[in-house]
PDB file of all heavy atoms in Angstrom:
ATOM      1  N   VAL A   1      14.337 164.006  92.464  1.00  0.00           N
ATOM      2  CA  VAL A   1      14.488 163.035  93.544  1.00  0.00           C
ATOM      3  C   VAL A   1      15.837 163.244  94.217  1.00  0.00           C
ATOM      4  O   VAL A   1      16.861 163.358  93.540  1.00  0.00           O
ATOM      5  CB  VAL A   1      14.377 161.603  92.982  1.00  0.00           C
ATOM      6  CG1 VAL A   1      14.579 160.580  94.091  1.00  0.00           C
ATOM      7  CG2 VAL A   1      13.014 161.419  92.298  1.00  0.00           C
ATOM      8  N   PRO A   2      15.902 163.298  95.527  1.00  0.00           N
ATOM      9  CA  PRO A   2      17.186 163.522  96.203  1.00  0.00           C
ATOM     10  C   PRO A   2      18.149 162.357  96.007  1.00  0.00           C
ATOM     11  O   PRO A   2      17.741 161.206  95.844  1.00  0.00           O
ATOM     12  CB  PRO A   2      16.793 163.675  97.677  1.00  0.00           C
ATOM     13  CG  PRO A   2      15.463 163.022  97.797  1.00  0.00           C
ATOM     14  CD  PRO A   2      14.779 163.200  96.475  1.00  0.00           C
ATOM     15  N   VAL A   3      19.447 162.684  95.980  1.00  0.00           N
ATOM     16  CA  VAL A   3      20.495 161.679  95.846  1.00  0.00           C
ATOM     17  C   VAL A   3      20.987 161.313  97.244  1.00  0.00           C
ATOM     18  O   VAL A   3      21.322 162.186  98.047  1.00  0.00           O
ATOM     19  CB  VAL A   3      21.667 162.224  94.998  1.00  0.00           C
ATOM     20  CG1 VAL A   3      22.822 161.220  94.969  1.00  0.00           C
ATOM     21  CG2 VAL A   3      21.191 162.543  93.585  1.00  0.00           C
ATOM     22  N   ASP A   4      21.043 160.021  97.517  1.00  0.00           N
ATOM     23  CA  ASP A   4      21.518 159.544  98.820  1.00  0.00           C
ATOM     24  C   ASP A   4      23.035 159.365  98.746  1.00  0.00           C
ATOM     25  O   ASP A   4      23.549 158.267  98.488  1.00  0.00           O
ATOM     26  CB  ASP A   4      20.824 158.223  99.169  1.00  0.00           C
ATOM     27  CG  ASP A   4      21.079 157.798 100.614  1.00  0.00           C
ATOM     28  OD1 ASP A   4      22.031 158.317 101.225  1.00  0.00           O
ATOM     29  OD2 ASP A   4      20.328 156.932 101.105  1.00  0.00           O
ATOM     30  N   TRP A   5      23.768 160.454  98.929  1.00  0.00           N
ATOM     31  CA  TRP A   5      25.222 160.421  98.812  1.00  0.00           C
ATOM     32  C   TRP A   5      25.859 159.515  99.859  1.00  0.00           C
ATOM     33  O   TRP A   5      26.873 158.858  99.591  1.00  0.00           O
ATOM     34  CB  TRP A   5      25.789 161.831  98.910  1.00  0.00           C
ATOM     35  CG  TRP A   5      25.393 162.707  97.759  1.00  0.00           C
ATOM     36  CD1 TRP A   5      24.405 163.651  97.742  1.00  0.00           C
ATOM     37  CD2 TRP A   5      25.929 162.668  96.439  1.00  0.00           C
ATOM     38  NE1 TRP A   5      24.299 164.213  96.498  1.00  0.00           N
ATOM     39  CE2 TRP A   5      25.233 163.632  95.674  1.00  0.00           C
ATOM     40  CE3 TRP A   5      26.934 161.928  95.821  1.00  0.00           C
ATOM     41  CZ2 TRP A   5      25.504 163.873  94.330  1.00  0.00           C
ATOM     42  CZ3 TRP A   5      27.210 162.172  94.485  1.00  0.00           C
ATOM     43  CH2 TRP A   5      26.515 163.132  93.753  1.00  0.00           C
ATOM     44  N   GLU A   6      25.252 159.481 101.060  1.00  0.00           N
ATOM     45  CA  GLU A   6      25.819 158.622 102.112  1.00  0.00           C
ATOM     46  C   GLU A   6      25.738 157.144 101.709  1.00  0.00           C
ATOM     47  O   GLU A   6      26.685 156.380 101.922  1.00  0.00           O
ATOM     48  CB  GLU A   6      25.072 158.858 103.434  1.00  0.00           C
ATOM     49  CG  GLU A   6      25.395 160.176 104.115  1.00  0.00           C
ATOM     50  CD  GLU A   6      24.779 161.387 103.401  1.00  0.00           C
ATOM     51  OE1 GLU A   6      23.853 161.186 102.568  1.00  0.00           O
ATOM     52  OE2 GLU A   6      25.224 162.521 103.652  1.00  0.00           O
ATOM     53  N   ALA A   7      24.630 156.759 101.070  1.00  0.00           N
ATOM     54  CA  ALA A   7      24.503 155.373 100.617  1.00  0.00           C
ATOM     55  C   ALA A   7      25.475 155.094  99.477  1.00  0.00           C
ATOM     56  O   ALA A   7      26.085 154.019  99.405  1.00  0.00           O
ATOM     57  CB  ALA A   7      23.066 155.098 100.182  1.00  0.00           C
ATOM     58  N   LEU A   8      25.651 156.069  98.603  1.00  0.00           N
ATOM     59  CA  LEU A   8      26.579 155.893  97.484  1.00  0.00           C
ATOM     60  C   LEU A   8      28.013 155.759  97.973  1.00  0.00           C
ATOM     61  O   LEU A   8      28.842 155.118  97.319  1.00  0.00           O
ATOM     62  CB  LEU A   8      26.467 157.079  96.521  1.00  0.00           C
ATOM     63  CG  LEU A   8      25.188 157.161  95.685  1.00  0.00           C
ATOM     64  CD1 LEU A   8      25.133 158.482  94.927  1.00  0.00           C
ATOM     65  CD2 LEU A   8      25.121 155.999  94.712  1.00  0.00           C
ATOM     66  N   ALA A   9      28.307 156.374  99.102  1.00  0.00           N
ATOM     67  CA  ALA A   9      29.672 156.306  99.639  1.00  0.00           C
ATOM     68  C   ALA A   9      30.087 154.869  99.921  1.00  0.00           C
ATOM     69  O   ALA A   9      31.272 154.522  99.814  1.00  0.00           O
ATOM     70  CB  ALA A   9      29.777 157.145 100.910  1.00  0.00           C
ATOM     71  N   GLY A  10      29.116 154.026 100.257  1.00  0.00           N
ATOM     72  CA  GLY A  10      29.448 152.644 100.563  1.00  0.00           C
ATOM     73  C   GLY A  10      29.322 151.694  99.384  1.00  0.00           C
ATOM     74  O   GLY A  10      29.609 150.498  99.517  1.00  0.00           O
ATOM     75  N   ALA A  11      28.915 152.220  98.226  1.00  0.00           N
ATOM     76  CA  ALA A  11      28.734 151.360  97.057  1.00  0.00           C
ATOM     77  C   ALA A  11      30.093 150.952  96.502  1.00  0.00           C
ATOM     78  O   ALA A  11      30.985 151.789  96.339  1.00  0.00           O
ATOM     79  CB  ALA A  11      27.921 152.077  95.990  1.00  0.00           C
ATOM     80  N   PRO A  12      30.268 149.682  96.177  1.00  0.00           N
ATOM     81  CA  PRO A  12      31.549 149.244  95.611  1.00  0.00           C
ATOM     82  C   PRO A  12      31.668 149.666  94.147  1.00  0.00           C
ATOM     83  O   PRO A  12      30.704 150.095  93.517  1.00  0.00           O
ATOM     84  CB  PRO A  12      31.482 147.720  95.743  1.00  0.00           C
ATOM     85  CG  PRO A  12      30.019 147.413  95.679  1.00  0.00           C
ATOM     86  CD  PRO A  12      29.323 148.557  96.341  1.00  0.00           C
ATOM     87  N   GLY A  13      32.873 149.525  93.606  1.00  0.00           N
ATOM     88  CA  GLY A  13      33.086 149.776  92.183  1.00  0.00           C
ATOM     89  C   GLY A  13      33.273 151.253  91.858  1.00  0.00           C
ATOM     90  O   GLY A  13      33.769 152.037  92.672  1.00  0.00           O
ATOM     91  N   THR A  14      32.825 151.629  90.679  1.00  0.00           N
ATOM     92  CA  THR A  14      33.058 152.972  90.149  1.00  0.00           C
ATOM     93  C   THR A  14      31.807 153.824  90.288  1.00  0.00           C
ATOM     94  O   THR A  14      30.691 153.352  90.059  1.00  0.00           O
ATOM     95  CB  THR A  14      33.436 152.894  88.648  1.00  0.00           C
ATOM     96  OG1 THR A  14      34.545 152.027  88.495  1.00  0.00           O
ATOM     97  CG2 THR A  14      33.791 154.271  88.105  1.00  0.00           C
ATOM     98  N   LEU A  15      32.006 155.078  90.655  1.00  0.00           N
ATOM     99  CA  LEU A  15      30.919 156.044  90.736  1.00  0.00           C
ATOM    100  C   LEU A  15      31.144 157.100  89.653  1.00  0.00           C
ATOM    101  O   LEU A  15      32.207 157.724  89.589  1.00  0.00           O
ATOM    102  CB  LEU A  15      30.873 156.703  92.114  1.00  0.00           C
ATOM    103  CG  LEU A  15      29.779 157.761  92.339  1.00  0.00           C
ATOM    104  CD1 LEU A  15      28.394 157.129  92.191  1.00  0.00           C
ATOM    105  CD2 LEU A  15      29.939 158.413  93.709  1.00  0.00           C
ATOM    106  N   VAL A  16      30.142 157.289  88.781  1.00  0.00           N
ATOM    107  CA  VAL A  16      30.228 158.284  87.709  1.00  0.00           C
ATOM    108  C   VAL A  16      29.155 159.331  87.963  1.00  0.00           C
ATOM    109  O   VAL A  16      27.970 159.001  88.052  1.00  0.00           O
ATOM    110  CB  VAL A  16      30.028 157.646  86.319  1.00  0.00           C
ATOM    111  CG1 VAL A  16      30.082 158.721  85.233  1.00  0.00           C
ATOM    112  CG2 VAL A  16      31.095 156.583  86.068  1.00  0.00           C
ATOM    113  N   VAL A  17      29.588 160.584  88.096  1.00  0.00           N
ATOM    114  CA  VAL A  17      28.671 161.684  88.399  1.00  0.00           C
ATOM    115  C   VAL A  17      28.575 162.604  87.185  1.00  0.00           C
ATOM    116  O   VAL A  17      29.582 163.164  86.741  1.00  0.00           O
ATOM    117  CB  VAL A  17      29.142 162.482  89.623  1.00  0.00           C
ATOM    118  CG1 VAL A  17      28.113 163.553  89.986  1.00  0.00           C
ATOM    119  CG2 VAL A  17      29.399 161.560  90.815  1.00  0.00           C
ATOM    120  N   LEU A  18      27.369 162.751  86.654  1.00  0.00           N
ATOM    121  CA  LEU A  18      27.140 163.652  85.530  1.00  0.00           C
ATOM    122  C   LEU A  18      26.562 164.971  86.037  1.00  0.00           C
ATOM    123  O   LEU A  18      25.839 164.999  87.030  1.00  0.00           O
ATOM    124  CB  LEU A  18      26.174 163.029  84.516  1.00  0.00           C
ATOM    125  CG  LEU A  18      26.738 161.920  83.612  1.00  0.00           C
ATOM    126  CD1 LEU A  18      26.943 160.620  84.372  1.00  0.00           C
ATOM    127  CD2 LEU A  18      25.798 161.676  82.437  1.00  0.00           C
ATOM    128  N   MET A  19      26.877 166.050  85.357  1.00  0.00           N
ATOM    129  CA  MET A  19      26.336 167.378  85.671  1.00  0.00           C
ATOM    130  C   MET A  19      26.624 167.771  87.122  1.00  0.00           C
ATOM    131  O   MET A  19      25.760 168.299  87.814  1.00  0.00           O
ATOM    132  CB  MET A  19      24.827 167.417  85.409  1.00  0.00           C
ATOM    133  CG  MET A  19      24.449 167.055  83.980  1.00  0.00           C
ATOM    134  SD  MET A  19      22.671 167.048  83.695  1.00  0.00           S
ATOM    135  CE  MET A  19      22.155 165.701  84.770  1.00  0.00           C
ATOM    136  N   GLY A  20      27.848 167.530  87.571  1.00  0.00           N
ATOM    137  CA  GLY A  20      28.142 167.785  88.970  1.00  0.00           C
ATOM    138  C   GLY A  20      29.213 168.820  89.234  1.00  0.00           C
ATOM    139  O   GLY A  20      29.724 168.899  90.361  1.00  0.00           O
ATOM    140  N   VAL A  21      29.571 169.644  88.266  1.00  0.00           N
ATOM    141  CA  VAL A  21      30.674 170.588  88.466  1.00  0.00           C
ATOM    142  C   VAL A  21      30.319 171.652  89.492  1.00  0.00           C
ATOM    143  O   VAL A  21      31.111 171.963  90.394  1.00  0.00           O
ATOM    144  CB  VAL A  21      31.077 171.245  87.127  1.00  0.00           C
ATOM    145  CG1 VAL A  21      32.141 172.317  87.356  1.00  0.00           C
ATOM    146  CG2 VAL A  21      31.600 170.192  86.162  1.00  0.00           C
ATOM    147  N   ARG A  22      29.110 172.235  89.388  1.00  0.00           N
ATOM    148  CA  ARG A  22      28.755 173.330  90.284  1.00  0.00           C
ATOM    149  C   ARG A  22      28.609 172.877  91.736  1.00  0.00           C
ATOM    150  O   ARG A  22      28.792 173.665  92.658  1.00  0.00           O
ATOM    151  CB  ARG A  22      27.455 173.995  89.802  1.00  0.00           C
ATOM    152  CG  ARG A  22      27.628 174.751  88.485  1.00  0.00           C
ATOM    153  CD  ARG A  22      26.389 175.588  88.149  1.00  0.00           C
ATOM    154  NE  ARG A  22      26.606 176.335  86.910  1.00  0.00           N
ATOM    155  CZ  ARG A  22      26.332 175.877  85.710  1.00  0.00           C
ATOM    156  NH1 ARG A  22      25.819 174.658  85.571  1.00  0.00           N
ATOM    157  NH2 ARG A  22      26.562 176.606  84.635  1.00  0.00           N
ATOM    158  N   GLN A  23      28.282 171.615  91.930  1.00  0.00           N
ATOM    159  CA  GLN A  23      28.133 171.087  93.286  1.00  0.00           C
ATOM    160  C   GLN A  23      29.260 170.102  93.626  1.00  0.00           C
ATOM    161  O   GLN A  23      29.107 169.261  94.505  1.00  0.00           O
ATOM    162  CB  GLN A  23      26.778 170.377  93.407  1.00  0.00           C
ATOM    163  CG  GLN A  23      25.580 171.267  93.159  1.00  0.00           C
ATOM    164  CD  GLN A  23      25.488 172.395  94.180  1.00  0.00           C
ATOM    165  OE1 GLN A  23      25.819 172.212  95.355  1.00  0.00           O
ATOM    166  NE2 GLN A  23      25.042 173.568  93.740  1.00  0.00           N
ATOM    167  N   LEU A  24      30.390 170.245  92.910  1.00  0.00           N
ATOM    168  CA  LEU A  24      31.465 169.265  93.052  1.00  0.00           C
ATOM    169  C   LEU A  24      31.962 169.170  94.488  1.00  0.00           C
ATOM    170  O   LEU A  24      32.036 168.072  95.073  1.00  0.00           O
ATOM    171  CB  LEU A  24      32.621 169.635  92.115  1.00  0.00           C
ATOM    172  CG  LEU A  24      33.869 168.757  92.193  1.00  0.00           C
ATOM    173  CD1 LEU A  24      33.533 167.311  91.825  1.00  0.00           C
ATOM    174  CD2 LEU A  24      34.959 169.289  91.266  1.00  0.00           C
ATOM    175  N   ARG A  25      32.325 170.295  95.086  1.00  0.00           N
ATOM    176  CA  ARG A  25      32.875 170.260  96.448  1.00  0.00           C
ATOM    177  C   ARG A  25      31.853 169.697  97.428  1.00  0.00           C
ATOM    178  O   ARG A  25      32.188 168.848  98.274  1.00  0.00           O
ATOM    179  CB  ARG A  25      33.308 171.663  96.864  1.00  0.00           C
ATOM    180  CG  ARG A  25      34.050 171.710  98.212  1.00  0.00           C
ATOM    181  CD  ARG A  25      34.520 173.108  98.521  1.00  0.00           C
ATOM    182  NE  ARG A  25      35.473 173.580  97.535  1.00  0.00           N
ATOM    183  CZ  ARG A  25      36.771 173.297  97.549  1.00  0.00           C
ATOM    184  NH1 ARG A  25      37.265 172.505  98.499  1.00  0.00           N
ATOM    185  NH2 ARG A  25      37.561 173.789  96.629  1.00  0.00           N
ATOM    186  N   ARG A  26      30.620 170.156  97.320  1.00  0.00           N
ATOM    187  CA  ARG A  26      29.564 169.693  98.228  1.00  0.00           C
ATOM    188  C   ARG A  26      29.355 168.185  98.103  1.00  0.00           C
ATOM    189  O   ARG A  26      29.252 167.469  99.116  1.00  0.00           O
ATOM    190  CB  ARG A  26      28.278 170.451  97.900  1.00  0.00           C
ATOM    191  CG  ARG A  26      27.017 169.899  98.518  1.00  0.00           C
ATOM    192  CD  ARG A  26      25.802 170.671  97.968  1.00  0.00           C
ATOM    193  NE  ARG A  26      24.564 170.083  98.384  1.00  0.00           N
ATOM    194  CZ  ARG A  26      23.964 169.069  97.792  1.00  0.00           C
ATOM    195  NH1 ARG A  26      24.549 168.509  96.742  1.00  0.00           N
ATOM    196  NH2 ARG A  26      22.810 168.600  98.226  1.00  0.00           N
TER     197      ARG A  26
END
C-alpha cells in the first residue's frame, strides 16, 4: 500500500519510520 508522505508531513507529534534507510533521502 502506498505511503501518503504529504499527509504525514502535516501529522502532529512524532513520526517513526522503520526500514527506511535505502529510501531515506527520498
